[in-house]
Amino acid sequence: MERRRTERYEINVSANIVFNNNTYKGVIENFSNGGLGVRCALNENLKSITTGSRIDVEFNVSYQNKVNFQCETRWKREYNDQEHGAILKVGLEYIEMKD
């Protein structure tokens, strides 16, 4: 079993997920020094995400301060949830913090 390189912290923060010039509502489920775990509703455009796809994640850290990371997809999982329907979860590695 592979061990994580850095400790993960569980959170539940609303975020915008930007992929192929489209923005989707999502939730950051966890973060570490290396990246983020993100969940959002699955649609046809998001099905095309593969390992290596670039995704921007934008979220507020306070009322006036927004953070925007460019990330690279490390893994993805698609599944159906009885309560929420088709769900996408992705593991993202930070590439850079954007302005």
N, C-alpha and C. Protein backbone atom coordinates (compact mmCIF):
# COMPACT_ATOMS: atom_id res chain seq x y z
N MET A 1 0.83 -1.18 0.00
CA MET A 1 0.00 0.00 0.00
C MET A 1 0.88 1.25 0.00
N GLU A 2 0.58 2.17 -0.93
CA GLU A 2 1.36 3.39 -1.02
C GLU A 2 0.95 4.36 0.07
N ARG A 3 1.92 4.97 0.73
CA ARG A 3 1.64 5.96 1.77
C ARG A 3 1.68 7.35 1.16
N ARG A 4 0.82 8.21 1.65
CA ARG A 4 0.80 9.59 1.17
C ARG A 4 2.10 10.28 1.57
N ARG A 5 2.53 11.19 0.68
CA ARG A 5 3.75 11.94 0.96
C ARG A 5 3.53 13.02 2.01
N THR A 6 2.31 13.56 2.07
CA THR A 6 2.01 14.62 3.03
C THR A 6 0.66 14.32 3.70
N GLU A 7 0.48 14.85 4.89
CA GLU A 7 -0.76 14.64 5.63
C GLU A 7 -1.92 15.38 4.95
N ARG A 8 -3.11 14.76 4.93
CA ARG A 8 -4.31 15.37 4.36
C ARG A 8 -5.18 15.90 5.48
N TYR A 9 -5.87 17.01 5.18
CA TYR A 9 -6.79 17.64 6.13
C TYR A 9 -8.18 17.66 5.52
N GLU A 10 -9.15 17.11 6.23
CA GLU A 10 -10.54 17.05 5.76
C GLU A 10 -11.18 18.42 5.92
N ILE A 11 -11.84 18.89 4.85
CA ILE A 11 -12.58 20.16 4.89
C ILE A 11 -13.84 20.00 4.04
N ASN A 12 -14.64 21.01 4.00
CA ASN A 12 -15.85 21.02 3.17
C ASN A 12 -16.04 22.47 2.72
N VAL A 13 -15.35 22.86 1.63
CA VAL A 13 -15.32 24.25 1.18
C VAL A 13 -15.87 24.33 -0.24
N SER A 14 -16.85 25.20 -0.47
CA SER A 14 -17.37 25.42 -1.82
C SER A 14 -16.29 26.00 -2.71
N ALA A 15 -16.28 25.56 -3.97
CA ALA A 15 -15.26 26.02 -4.90
C ALA A 15 -15.82 26.05 -6.31
N ASN A 16 -15.18 26.84 -7.17
CA ASN A 16 -15.45 26.81 -8.60
C ASN A 16 -14.38 25.95 -9.25
N ILE A 17 -14.82 25.04 -10.09
CA ILE A 17 -13.93 24.14 -10.82
C ILE A 17 -13.96 24.61 -12.28
N VAL A 18 -12.80 24.98 -12.83
CA VAL A 18 -12.75 25.49 -14.20
C VAL A 18 -12.00 24.48 -15.06
N PHE A 19 -12.71 23.96 -16.08
CA PHE A 19 -12.14 22.97 -16.99
C PHE A 19 -12.66 23.26 -18.39
N ASN A 20 -11.76 23.32 -19.37
CA ASN A 20 -12.13 23.61 -20.76
C ASN A 20 -12.96 24.89 -20.88
N ASN A 21 -12.54 25.92 -20.15
CA ASN A 21 -13.20 27.24 -20.19
C ASN A 21 -14.64 27.23 -19.68
N ASN A 22 -15.03 26.20 -18.94
CA ASN A 22 -16.35 26.13 -18.32
C ASN A 22 -16.16 26.06 -16.81
N THR A 23 -17.08 26.70 -16.08
CA THR A 23 -17.00 26.73 -14.62
C THR A 23 -18.13 25.91 -14.02
N TYR A 24 -17.78 25.09 -13.03
CA TYR A 24 -18.73 24.21 -12.35
C TYR A 24 -18.62 24.41 -10.84
N LYS A 25 -19.71 24.24 -10.14
CA LYS A 25 -19.71 24.31 -8.68
C LYS A 25 -19.22 22.97 -8.14
N GLY A 26 -18.36 23.06 -7.13
CA GLY A 26 -17.84 21.85 -6.51
C GLY A 26 -17.53 22.07 -5.05
N VAL A 27 -16.95 21.05 -4.43
CA VAL A 27 -16.58 21.10 -3.02
C VAL A 27 -15.17 20.53 -2.87
N ILE A 28 -14.32 21.27 -2.16
CA ILE A 28 -13.01 20.74 -1.79
C ILE A 28 -13.23 19.89 -0.55
N GLU A 29 -12.91 18.60 -0.64
CA GLU A 29 -13.13 17.68 0.47
C GLU A 29 -11.90 17.53 1.36
N ASN A 30 -10.73 17.73 0.79
CA ASN A 30 -9.50 17.65 1.59
C ASN A 30 -8.38 18.38 0.87
N PHE A 31 -7.33 18.68 1.63
CA PHE A 31 -6.16 19.33 1.04
C PHE A 31 -4.91 18.89 1.78
N SER A 32 -3.78 19.08 1.14
CA SER A 32 -2.47 18.79 1.73
C SER A 32 -1.49 19.79 1.15
N ASN A 33 -0.23 19.64 1.51
CA ASN A 33 0.81 20.49 0.91
C ASN A 33 0.96 20.23 -0.58
N GLY A 34 0.51 19.07 -1.05
CA GLY A 34 0.69 18.72 -2.45
C GLY A 34 -0.50 18.92 -3.35
N GLY A 35 -1.72 19.00 -2.76
CA GLY A 35 -2.87 19.13 -3.64
C GLY A 35 -4.20 19.11 -2.92
N LEU A 36 -5.26 18.87 -3.71
CA LEU A 36 -6.63 18.94 -3.25
C LEU A 36 -7.42 17.71 -3.67
N GLY A 37 -8.41 17.34 -2.90
CA GLY A 37 -9.42 16.37 -3.29
C GLY A 37 -10.71 17.13 -3.52
N VAL A 38 -11.30 17.01 -4.72
CA VAL A 38 -12.46 17.81 -5.10
C VAL A 38 -13.59 16.90 -5.58
N ARG A 39 -14.84 17.31 -5.28
CA ARG A 39 -16.03 16.57 -5.71
C ARG A 39 -16.98 17.55 -6.41
N CYS A 40 -17.63 17.10 -7.49
CA CYS A 40 -18.64 17.92 -8.16
C CYS A 40 -19.60 17.00 -8.92
N ALA A 41 -20.71 17.59 -9.38
CA ALA A 41 -21.66 16.84 -10.21
C ALA A 41 -20.99 16.49 -11.54
N LEU A 42 -21.23 15.29 -12.01
CA LEU A 42 -20.62 14.82 -13.25
C LEU A 42 -21.49 15.20 -14.44
N ASN A 43 -20.85 15.70 -15.50
CA ASN A 43 -21.55 15.97 -16.76
C ASN A 43 -20.67 15.50 -17.92
N GLU A 44 -21.17 15.63 -19.14
CA GLU A 44 -20.44 15.12 -20.30
C GLU A 44 -19.07 15.75 -20.46
N ASN A 45 -18.94 17.07 -20.25
CA ASN A 45 -17.65 17.73 -20.40
C ASN A 45 -16.65 17.21 -19.36
N LEU A 46 -17.09 17.05 -18.13
CA LEU A 46 -16.17 16.60 -17.06
C LEU A 46 -15.77 15.14 -17.24
N LYS A 47 -16.55 14.35 -17.97
CA LYS A 47 -16.17 12.96 -18.24
C LYS A 47 -14.87 12.88 -19.03
N SER A 48 -14.53 13.97 -19.76
CA SER A 48 -13.31 13.95 -20.57
C SER A 48 -12.04 14.24 -19.77
N ILE A 49 -12.17 14.51 -18.47
CA ILE A 49 -10.98 14.69 -17.63
C ILE A 49 -10.21 13.39 -17.58
N THR A 50 -8.90 13.48 -17.77
CA THR A 50 -8.02 12.32 -17.66
C THR A 50 -6.84 12.69 -16.77
N THR A 51 -6.06 11.70 -16.39
CA THR A 51 -4.83 11.98 -15.65
C THR A 51 -3.98 12.93 -16.48
N GLY A 52 -3.56 14.02 -15.85
CA GLY A 52 -2.77 15.03 -16.55
C GLY A 52 -3.57 16.24 -17.00
N SER A 53 -4.92 16.15 -16.98
CA SER A 53 -5.74 17.30 -17.36
C SER A 53 -5.49 18.46 -16.41
N ARG A 54 -5.48 19.69 -16.96
CA ARG A 54 -5.31 20.89 -16.15
C ARG A 54 -6.68 21.42 -15.72
N ILE A 55 -6.80 21.73 -14.44
CA ILE A 55 -8.04 22.23 -13.86
C ILE A 55 -7.68 23.38 -12.93
N ASP A 56 -8.45 24.46 -13.01
CA ASP A 56 -8.31 25.56 -12.05
C ASP A 56 -9.34 25.38 -10.95
N VAL A 57 -8.94 25.66 -9.73
CA VAL A 57 -9.84 25.59 -8.57
C VAL A 57 -9.80 26.95 -7.89
N GLU A 58 -10.97 27.58 -7.77
CA GLU A 58 -11.09 28.90 -7.16
C GLU A 58 -11.98 28.79 -5.93
N PHE A 59 -11.55 29.41 -4.83
CA PHE A 59 -12.38 29.41 -3.62
C PHE A 59 -12.01 30.60 -2.75
N ASN A 60 -12.94 30.96 -1.87
CA ASN A 60 -12.73 32.09 -0.96
C ASN A 60 -12.13 31.59 0.35
N VAL A 61 -11.12 32.31 0.82
CA VAL A 61 -10.54 32.00 2.13
C VAL A 61 -11.05 32.98 3.18
N SER A 62 -11.64 34.07 2.73
CA SER A 62 -12.31 35.03 3.60
C SER A 62 -13.29 35.80 2.74
N TYR A 63 -13.99 36.73 3.34
CA TYR A 63 -15.01 37.49 2.62
C TYR A 63 -14.47 38.16 1.36
N GLN A 64 -13.26 38.69 1.41
CA GLN A 64 -12.70 39.45 0.28
C GLN A 64 -11.52 38.78 -0.40
N ASN A 65 -11.07 37.64 0.09
CA ASN A 65 -9.86 37.01 -0.46
C ASN A 65 -10.18 35.70 -1.16
N LYS A 66 -9.94 35.69 -2.48
CA LYS A 66 -10.16 34.49 -3.28
C LYS A 66 -8.80 33.88 -3.62
N VAL A 67 -8.74 32.56 -3.62
CA VAL A 67 -7.53 31.82 -3.99
C VAL A 67 -7.83 31.06 -5.28
N ASN A 68 -6.85 31.01 -6.18
CA ASN A 68 -7.02 30.33 -7.45
C ASN A 68 -5.76 29.50 -7.71
N PHE A 69 -5.93 28.18 -7.77
CA PHE A 69 -4.82 27.28 -8.06
C PHE A 69 -5.01 26.65 -9.43
N GLN A 70 -3.93 26.59 -10.20
CA GLN A 70 -3.93 25.74 -11.38
C GLN A 70 -3.41 24.39 -10.91
N CYS A 71 -4.14 23.34 -11.27
CA CYS A 71 -3.80 21.99 -10.80
C CYS A 71 -3.73 21.02 -11.97
N GLU A 72 -3.13 19.88 -11.69
CA GLU A 72 -3.09 18.78 -12.66
C GLU A 72 -3.75 17.56 -12.04
N THR A 73 -4.60 16.91 -12.82
CA THR A 73 -5.33 15.74 -12.34
C THR A 73 -4.39 14.56 -12.15
N ARG A 74 -4.44 13.94 -10.98
CA ARG A 74 -3.65 12.74 -10.68
C ARG A 74 -4.50 11.48 -10.74
N TRP A 75 -5.79 11.60 -10.38
CA TRP A 75 -6.71 10.47 -10.47
C TRP A 75 -8.14 11.01 -10.53
N LYS A 76 -9.06 10.17 -11.01
CA LYS A 76 -10.47 10.54 -11.00
C LYS A 76 -11.32 9.31 -10.76
N ARG A 77 -12.49 9.53 -10.15
CA ARG A 77 -13.47 8.47 -9.91
C ARG A 77 -14.85 9.01 -10.25
N GLU A 78 -15.62 8.21 -10.97
CA GLU A 78 -17.00 8.55 -11.28
C GLU A 78 -17.89 7.53 -10.59
N TYR A 79 -18.98 8.00 -10.00
CA TYR A 79 -19.93 7.08 -9.38
C TYR A 79 -21.28 7.74 -9.24
N ASN A 80 -22.29 6.93 -8.94
CA ASN A 80 -23.65 7.43 -8.73
C ASN A 80 -23.98 7.38 -7.25
N ASP A 81 -24.54 8.47 -6.77
CA ASP A 81 -24.96 8.61 -5.38
C ASP A 81 -26.48 8.73 -5.40
N GLN A 82 -27.19 7.97 -4.57
CA GLN A 82 -28.65 8.00 -4.57
C GLN A 82 -29.19 9.39 -4.28
N GLU A 83 -28.51 10.14 -3.43
CA GLU A 83 -28.99 11.46 -3.05
C GLU A 83 -28.62 12.54 -4.07
N HIS A 84 -27.41 12.45 -4.67
CA HIS A 84 -26.91 13.53 -5.52
C HIS A 84 -26.78 13.17 -7.00
N GLY A 85 -26.99 11.95 -7.38
CA GLY A 85 -26.85 11.55 -8.79
C GLY A 85 -25.41 11.24 -9.16
N ALA A 86 -25.04 11.55 -10.41
CA ALA A 86 -23.69 11.25 -10.92
C ALA A 86 -22.68 12.22 -10.31
N ILE A 87 -21.64 11.66 -9.72
CA ILE A 87 -20.62 12.44 -9.00
C ILE A 87 -19.25 12.15 -9.60
N LEU A 88 -18.42 13.21 -9.64
CA LEU A 88 -17.02 13.09 -10.03
C LEU A 88 -16.16 13.48 -8.84
N LYS A 89 -15.18 12.66 -8.53
CA LYS A 89 -14.16 13.02 -7.55
C LYS A 89 -12.82 12.99 -8.26
N VAL A 90 -12.00 14.01 -8.00
CA VAL A 90 -10.67 14.08 -8.61
C VAL A 90 -9.63 14.41 -7.55
N GLY A 91 -8.45 13.83 -7.72
CA GLY A 91 -7.28 14.19 -6.94
C GLY A 91 -6.43 15.11 -7.77
N LEU A 92 -6.13 16.28 -7.25
CA LEU A 92 -5.41 17.31 -8.00
C LEU A 92 -4.11 17.69 -7.32
N GLU A 93 -3.07 17.81 -8.13
CA GLU A 93 -1.77 18.28 -7.64
C GLU A 93 -1.62 19.75 -8.01
N TYR A 94 -1.17 20.56 -7.04
CA TYR A 94 -0.94 21.98 -7.33
C TYR A 94 0.14 22.13 -8.39
N ILE A 95 -0.11 23.02 -9.36
CA ILE A 95 0.91 23.41 -10.33
C ILE A 95 1.40 24.80 -9.98
N GLU A 96 0.46 25.74 -9.84
CA GLU A 96 0.83 27.10 -9.43
C GLU A 96 -0.38 27.82 -8.84
N MET A 97 -0.08 28.81 -8.01
CA MET A 97 -1.12 29.70 -7.49
C MET A 97 -1.23 30.84 -8.48
N LYS A 98 -2.48 31.14 -8.92
CA LYS A 98 -2.69 32.18 -9.92
C LYS A 98 -3.19 33.45 -9.24
N ASP A 99 -3.01 34.57 -9.93
CA ASP A 99 -3.51 35.86 -9.41
C ASP A 99 -4.99 35.99 -9.64
